[in-house]
PDB file of all heavy atoms in Angstrom:
ATOM      1  N   ARG A   1      -1.668  -7.759   4.842  1.00  0.00           N
ATOM      2  CA  ARG A   1      -1.093  -7.659   6.259  1.00  0.00           C
ATOM      3  C   ARG A   1       0.237  -6.967   6.351  1.00  0.00           C
ATOM      4  O   ARG A   1       0.442  -6.159   7.286  1.00  0.00           O
ATOM      5  CB  ARG A   1      -0.965  -9.140   6.692  1.00  0.00           C
ATOM      6  CG  ARG A   1      -0.878  -9.185   8.241  1.00  0.00           C
ATOM      7  CD  ARG A   1      -0.911 -10.614   8.832  1.00  0.00           C
ATOM      8  NE  ARG A   1       0.170 -11.574   8.219  1.00  0.00           N
ATOM      9  CZ  ARG A   1      -0.003 -12.481   7.377  1.00  0.00           C
ATOM     10  NH1 ARG A   1      -1.171 -12.962   6.937  1.00  0.00           N
ATOM     11  NH2 ARG A   1       1.085 -13.227   7.032  1.00  0.00           N
ATOM     12  N   LEU A   2       1.068  -7.064   5.297  1.00  0.00           N
ATOM     13  CA  LEU A   2       2.420  -6.545   5.396  1.00  0.00           C
ATOM     14  C   LEU A   2       2.472  -5.131   4.598  1.00  0.00           C
ATOM     15  O   LEU A   2       3.431  -4.409   4.753  1.00  0.00           O
ATOM     16  CB  LEU A   2       3.469  -7.438   4.697  1.00  0.00           C
ATOM     17  CG  LEU A   2       3.630  -8.832   5.333  1.00  0.00           C
ATOM     18  CD1 LEU A   2       4.589  -9.646   4.574  1.00  0.00           C
ATOM     19  CD2 LEU A   2       4.104  -8.669   6.906  1.00  0.00           C
ATOM     20  N   GLY A   3       1.434  -4.873   3.921  1.00  0.00           N
ATOM     21  CA  GLY A   3       1.490  -3.598   2.987  1.00  0.00           C
ATOM     22  C   GLY A   3       1.726  -2.379   3.749  1.00  0.00           C
ATOM     23  O   GLY A   3       2.442  -1.494   3.279  1.00  0.00           O
ATOM     24  N   ALA A   4       1.033  -2.170   4.899  1.00  0.00           N
ATOM     25  CA  ALA A   4       1.255  -0.916   5.577  1.00  0.00           C
ATOM     26  C   ALA A   4       2.725  -0.796   6.040  1.00  0.00           C
ATOM     27  O   ALA A   4       3.272   0.367   6.036  1.00  0.00           O
ATOM     28  CB  ALA A   4       0.358  -0.913   6.873  1.00  0.00           C
ATOM     29  N   ASP A   5       3.330  -1.832   6.546  1.00  0.00           N
ATOM     30  CA  ASP A   5       4.738  -1.831   7.025  1.00  0.00           C
ATOM     31  C   ASP A   5       5.686  -1.537   5.691  1.00  0.00           C
ATOM     32  O   ASP A   5       6.656  -0.721   5.822  1.00  0.00           O
ATOM     33  CB  ASP A   5       5.221  -3.087   7.742  1.00  0.00           C
ATOM     34  CG  ASP A   5       4.508  -3.251   8.985  1.00  0.00           C
ATOM     35  OD1 ASP A   5       4.175  -2.212   9.591  1.00  0.00           O
ATOM     36  OD2 ASP A   5       4.484  -4.361   9.415  1.00  0.00           O
ATOM     37  N   LEU A   6       5.360  -2.123   4.612  1.00  0.00           N
ATOM     38  CA  LEU A   6       6.207  -2.028   3.348  1.00  0.00           C
ATOM     39  C   LEU A   6       6.077  -0.615   2.849  1.00  0.00           C
ATOM     40  O   LEU A   6       6.983  -0.051   2.243  1.00  0.00           O
ATOM     41  CB  LEU A   6       5.814  -2.986   2.306  1.00  0.00           C
ATOM     42  CG  LEU A   6       6.313  -4.491   2.513  1.00  0.00           C
ATOM     43  CD1 LEU A   6       5.662  -5.377   1.523  1.00  0.00           C
ATOM     44  CD2 LEU A   6       7.836  -4.444   2.512  1.00  0.00           C
ATOM     45  N   ALA A   7       4.901   0.025   3.048  1.00  0.00           N
ATOM     46  CA  ALA A   7       4.575   1.380   2.477  1.00  0.00           C
ATOM     47  C   ALA A   7       5.349   2.514   3.327  1.00  0.00           C
ATOM     48  O   ALA A   7       5.598   3.557   2.843  1.00  0.00           O
ATOM     49  CB  ALA A   7       3.161   1.677   2.515  1.00  0.00           C
ATOM     50  N   VAL A   8       5.764   2.224   4.560  1.00  0.00           N
ATOM     51  CA  VAL A   8       6.502   3.190   5.399  1.00  0.00           C
ATOM     52  C   VAL A   8       7.824   3.585   4.610  1.00  0.00           C
ATOM     53  O   VAL A   8       8.601   2.872   4.232  1.00  0.00           O
ATOM     54  CB  VAL A   8       6.833   2.610   6.820  1.00  0.00           C
ATOM     55  CG1 VAL A   8       7.739   3.555   7.580  1.00  0.00           C
ATOM     56  CG2 VAL A   8       5.546   2.148   7.587  1.00  0.00           C
ATOM     57  N   GLY A   9       7.849   4.884   4.630  1.00  0.00           N
ATOM     58  CA  GLY A   9       8.983   5.479   3.956  1.00  0.00           C
ATOM     59  C   GLY A   9       8.990   5.545   2.348  1.00  0.00           C
ATOM     60  O   GLY A   9       9.924   5.888   1.731  1.00  0.00           O
ATOM     61  N   ARG A  10       7.824   5.110   1.892  1.00  0.00           N
ATOM     62  CA  ARG A  10       7.658   5.040   0.378  1.00  0.00           C
ATOM     63  C   ARG A  10       6.562   6.029  -0.057  1.00  0.00           C
ATOM     64  O   ARG A  10       5.597   5.642  -0.497  1.00  0.00           O
ATOM     65  CB  ARG A  10       7.368   3.599  -0.069  1.00  0.00           C
ATOM     66  CG  ARG A  10       8.470   2.613   0.225  1.00  0.00           C
ATOM     67  CD  ARG A  10       7.968   1.235  -0.192  1.00  0.00           C
ATOM     68  NE  ARG A  10       8.850   0.200   0.302  1.00  0.00           N
ATOM     69  CZ  ARG A  10       9.994  -0.158  -0.299  1.00  0.00           C
ATOM     70  NH1 ARG A  10      10.291   0.274  -1.480  1.00  0.00           N
ATOM     71  NH2 ARG A  10      10.708  -1.160   0.215  1.00  0.00           N
ATOM     72  N   ALA A  11       6.886   7.228   0.153  1.00  0.00           N
ATOM     73  CA  ALA A  11       5.793   8.158  -0.199  1.00  0.00           C
ATOM     74  C   ALA A  11       5.354   8.169  -1.577  1.00  0.00           C
ATOM     75  O   ALA A  11       4.125   8.319  -1.788  1.00  0.00           O
ATOM     76  CB  ALA A  11       6.335   9.693   0.158  1.00  0.00           C
ATOM     77  N   THR A  12       6.218   7.918  -2.517  1.00  0.00           N
ATOM     78  CA  THR A  12       5.760   7.952  -3.883  1.00  0.00           C
ATOM     79  C   THR A  12       4.988   6.766  -4.368  1.00  0.00           C
ATOM     80  O   THR A  12       4.429   6.741  -5.380  1.00  0.00           O
ATOM     81  CB  THR A  12       7.109   8.085  -4.834  1.00  0.00           C
ATOM     82  OG1 THR A  12       7.908   6.964  -4.614  1.00  0.00           O
ATOM     83  CG2 THR A  12       7.805   9.399  -4.576  1.00  0.00           C
ATOM     84  N   THR A  13       4.991   5.698  -3.563  1.00  0.00           N
ATOM     85  CA  THR A  13       4.320   4.550  -3.890  1.00  0.00           C
ATOM     86  C   THR A  13       3.314   4.071  -2.836  1.00  0.00           C
ATOM     87  O   THR A  13       2.626   3.029  -3.037  1.00  0.00           O
ATOM     88  CB  THR A  13       5.207   3.334  -4.175  1.00  0.00           C
ATOM     89  OG1 THR A  13       6.082   3.105  -3.088  1.00  0.00           O
ATOM     90  CG2 THR A  13       6.118   3.524  -5.386  1.00  0.00           C
ATOM     91  N   LYS A  14       3.082   4.885  -1.779  1.00  0.00           N
ATOM     92  CA  LYS A  14       2.127   4.404  -0.805  1.00  0.00           C
ATOM     93  C   LYS A  14       0.787   4.290  -1.367  1.00  0.00           C
ATOM     94  O   LYS A  14       0.050   3.371  -1.009  1.00  0.00           O
ATOM     95  CB  LYS A  14       2.105   5.575   0.312  1.00  0.00           C
ATOM     96  CG  LYS A  14       1.151   5.138   1.446  1.00  0.00           C
ATOM     97  CD  LYS A  14       0.927   6.160   2.503  1.00  0.00           C
ATOM     98  CE  LYS A  14       0.031   5.751   3.589  1.00  0.00           C
ATOM     99  NZ  LYS A  14      -1.247   5.356   3.175  1.00  0.00           N
ATOM    100  N   HIS A  15       0.368   5.078  -2.335  1.00  0.00           N
ATOM    101  CA  HIS A  15      -1.041   4.962  -2.836  1.00  0.00           C
ATOM    102  C   HIS A  15      -1.188   3.600  -3.629  1.00  0.00           C
ATOM    103  O   HIS A  15      -2.272   3.216  -3.673  1.00  0.00           O
ATOM    104  CB  HIS A  15      -1.221   6.215  -3.910  1.00  0.00           C
ATOM    105  CG  HIS A  15      -0.372   6.071  -5.173  1.00  0.00           C
ATOM    106  ND1 HIS A  15       0.971   6.523  -5.102  1.00  0.00           N
ATOM    107  CD2 HIS A  15      -0.602   5.712  -6.380  1.00  0.00           C
ATOM    108  CE1 HIS A  15       1.483   6.239  -6.278  1.00  0.00           C
ATOM    109  NE2 HIS A  15       0.438   5.850  -7.108  1.00  0.00           N
ATOM    110  N   LEU A  16      -0.023   3.057  -4.107  1.00  0.00           N
ATOM    111  CA  LEU A  16      -0.151   1.666  -4.724  1.00  0.00           C
ATOM    112  C   LEU A  16      -0.487   0.642  -3.675  1.00  0.00           C
ATOM    113  O   LEU A  16      -1.294  -0.294  -3.926  1.00  0.00           O
ATOM    114  CB  LEU A  16       1.025   1.358  -5.470  1.00  0.00           C
ATOM    115  CG  LEU A  16       1.332   2.303  -6.630  1.00  0.00           C
ATOM    116  CD1 LEU A  16       2.718   1.951  -7.242  1.00  0.00           C
ATOM    117  CD2 LEU A  16       0.248   2.254  -7.652  1.00  0.00           C
ATOM    118  N   TYR A  17       0.088   0.783  -2.483  1.00  0.00           N
ATOM    119  CA  TYR A  17      -0.218  -0.230  -1.434  1.00  0.00           C
ATOM    120  C   TYR A  17      -1.722  -0.021  -0.950  1.00  0.00           C
ATOM    121  O   TYR A  17      -2.439  -0.914  -0.738  1.00  0.00           O
ATOM    122  CB  TYR A  17       0.680  -0.030  -0.200  1.00  0.00           C
ATOM    123  CG  TYR A  17       2.036  -0.378  -0.491  1.00  0.00           C
ATOM    124  CD1 TYR A  17       3.009   0.524  -0.958  1.00  0.00           C
ATOM    125  CD2 TYR A  17       2.497  -1.660  -0.393  1.00  0.00           C
ATOM    126  CE1 TYR A  17       4.235   0.162  -1.322  1.00  0.00           C
ATOM    127  CE2 TYR A  17       3.767  -2.057  -0.624  1.00  0.00           C
ATOM    128  CZ  TYR A  17       4.666  -1.071  -1.164  1.00  0.00           C
ATOM    129  OH  TYR A  17       6.001  -1.529  -1.464  1.00  0.00           O
ATOM    130  N   ASP A  18      -2.214   1.214  -0.867  1.00  0.00           N
ATOM    131  CA  ASP A  18      -3.544   1.485  -0.620  1.00  0.00           C
ATOM    132  C   ASP A  18      -4.508   0.905  -1.692  1.00  0.00           C
ATOM    133  O   ASP A  18      -5.558   0.456  -1.387  1.00  0.00           O
ATOM    134  CB  ASP A  18      -3.803   3.094  -0.525  1.00  0.00           C
ATOM    135  CG  ASP A  18      -3.083   3.640   0.684  1.00  0.00           C
ATOM    136  OD1 ASP A  18      -2.733   2.985   1.673  1.00  0.00           O
ATOM    137  OD2 ASP A  18      -2.841   4.960   0.622  1.00  0.00           O
ATOM    138  N   ARG A  19      -4.047   1.022  -2.907  1.00  0.00           N
ATOM    139  CA  ARG A  19      -4.860   0.454  -4.070  1.00  0.00           C
ATOM    140  C   ARG A  19      -4.970  -1.012  -3.836  1.00  0.00           C
ATOM    141  O   ARG A  19      -6.088  -1.516  -4.059  1.00  0.00           O
ATOM    142  CB  ARG A  19      -4.069   0.860  -5.284  1.00  0.00           C
ATOM    143  CG  ARG A  19      -4.859   0.380  -6.564  1.00  0.00           C
ATOM    144  CD  ARG A  19      -4.092   0.759  -7.826  1.00  0.00           C
ATOM    145  NE  ARG A  19      -4.677   0.342  -9.010  1.00  0.00           N
ATOM    146  CZ  ARG A  19      -4.761   1.020 -10.282  1.00  0.00           C
ATOM    147  NH1 ARG A  19      -4.092   2.187 -10.286  1.00  0.00           N
ATOM    148  NH2 ARG A  19      -5.330   0.554 -11.231  1.00  0.00           N
ATOM    149  N   LEU A  20      -3.883  -1.677  -3.389  1.00  0.00           N
ATOM    150  CA  LEU A  20      -3.884  -3.132  -3.261  1.00  0.00           C
ATOM    151  C   LEU A  20      -4.939  -3.518  -2.215  1.00  0.00           C
ATOM    152  O   LEU A  20      -5.751  -4.387  -2.273  1.00  0.00           O
ATOM    153  CB  LEU A  20      -2.586  -3.681  -2.920  1.00  0.00           C
ATOM    154  CG  LEU A  20      -2.427  -5.167  -2.726  1.00  0.00           C
ATOM    155  CD1 LEU A  20      -2.818  -6.029  -3.823  1.00  0.00           C
ATOM    156  CD2 LEU A  20      -1.057  -5.537  -2.135  1.00  0.00           C
ATOM    157  N   LYS A  21      -4.904  -2.756  -1.071  1.00  0.00           N
ATOM    158  CA  LYS A  21      -5.699  -3.069   0.113  1.00  0.00           C
ATOM    159  C   LYS A  21      -7.138  -2.806  -0.274  1.00  0.00           C
ATOM    160  O   LYS A  21      -8.008  -3.550   0.178  1.00  0.00           O
ATOM    161  CB  LYS A  21      -5.273  -2.175   1.265  1.00  0.00           C
ATOM    162  CG  LYS A  21      -6.009  -2.583   2.516  1.00  0.00           C
ATOM    163  CD  LYS A  21      -5.407  -1.908   3.722  1.00  0.00           C
ATOM    164  CE  LYS A  21      -6.091  -2.404   5.000  1.00  0.00           C
ATOM    165  NZ  LYS A  21      -5.519  -1.922   6.131  1.00  0.00           N
ATOM    166  N   ALA A  22      -7.458  -1.820  -1.058  1.00  0.00           N
ATOM    167  CA  ALA A  22      -8.830  -1.472  -1.442  1.00  0.00           C
ATOM    168  C   ALA A  22      -9.393  -2.350  -2.570  1.00  0.00           C
ATOM    169  O   ALA A  22     -10.524  -2.376  -2.792  1.00  0.00           O
ATOM    170  CB  ALA A  22      -8.893   0.113  -1.864  1.00  0.00           C
ATOM    171  N   ALA A  23      -8.621  -3.070  -3.314  1.00  0.00           N
ATOM    172  CA  ALA A  23      -8.918  -3.786  -4.428  1.00  0.00           C
ATOM    173  C   ALA A  23      -9.949  -4.847  -4.012  1.00  0.00           C
ATOM    174  O   ALA A  23      -9.788  -5.583  -2.989  1.00  0.00           O
ATOM    175  CB  ALA A  23      -7.822  -4.455  -5.099  1.00  0.00           C
ATOM    176  N   GLN A  24     -11.027  -5.059  -4.683  1.00  0.00           N
ATOM    177  CA  GLN A  24     -12.161  -5.913  -4.387  1.00  0.00           C
ATOM    178  C   GLN A  24     -12.129  -7.257  -5.021  1.00  0.00           C
ATOM    179  O   GLN A  24     -12.694  -8.206  -4.593  1.00  0.00           O
ATOM    180  CB  GLN A  24     -13.475  -5.303  -4.617  1.00  0.00           C
ATOM    181  CG  GLN A  24     -13.770  -4.019  -3.804  1.00  0.00           C
ATOM    182  CD  GLN A  24     -13.821  -4.317  -2.316  1.00  0.00           C
ATOM    183  OE1 GLN A  24     -14.543  -5.163  -1.936  1.00  0.00           O
ATOM    184  NE2 GLN A  24     -13.026  -3.589  -1.627  1.00  0.00           N
ATOM    185  N   THR A  25     -11.497  -7.376  -6.211  1.00  0.00           N
ATOM    186  CA  THR A  25     -11.430  -8.540  -6.936  1.00  0.00           C
ATOM    187  C   THR A  25      -9.931  -9.107  -6.997  1.00  0.00           C
ATOM    188  O   THR A  25      -9.046  -8.291  -6.832  1.00  0.00           O
ATOM    189  CB  THR A  25     -11.946  -8.390  -8.354  1.00  0.00           C
ATOM    190  OG1 THR A  25     -11.132  -7.562  -9.082  1.00  0.00           O
ATOM    191  CG2 THR A  25     -13.340  -7.803  -8.322  1.00  0.00           C
TER     192      THR A  25
END
């Protein structure tokens, strides 16, 4: 829920927030 907001301004780690959101297990 908070990941998108935390990723703002973090271009070098945004993909990690996306990875968390996409994780299935």
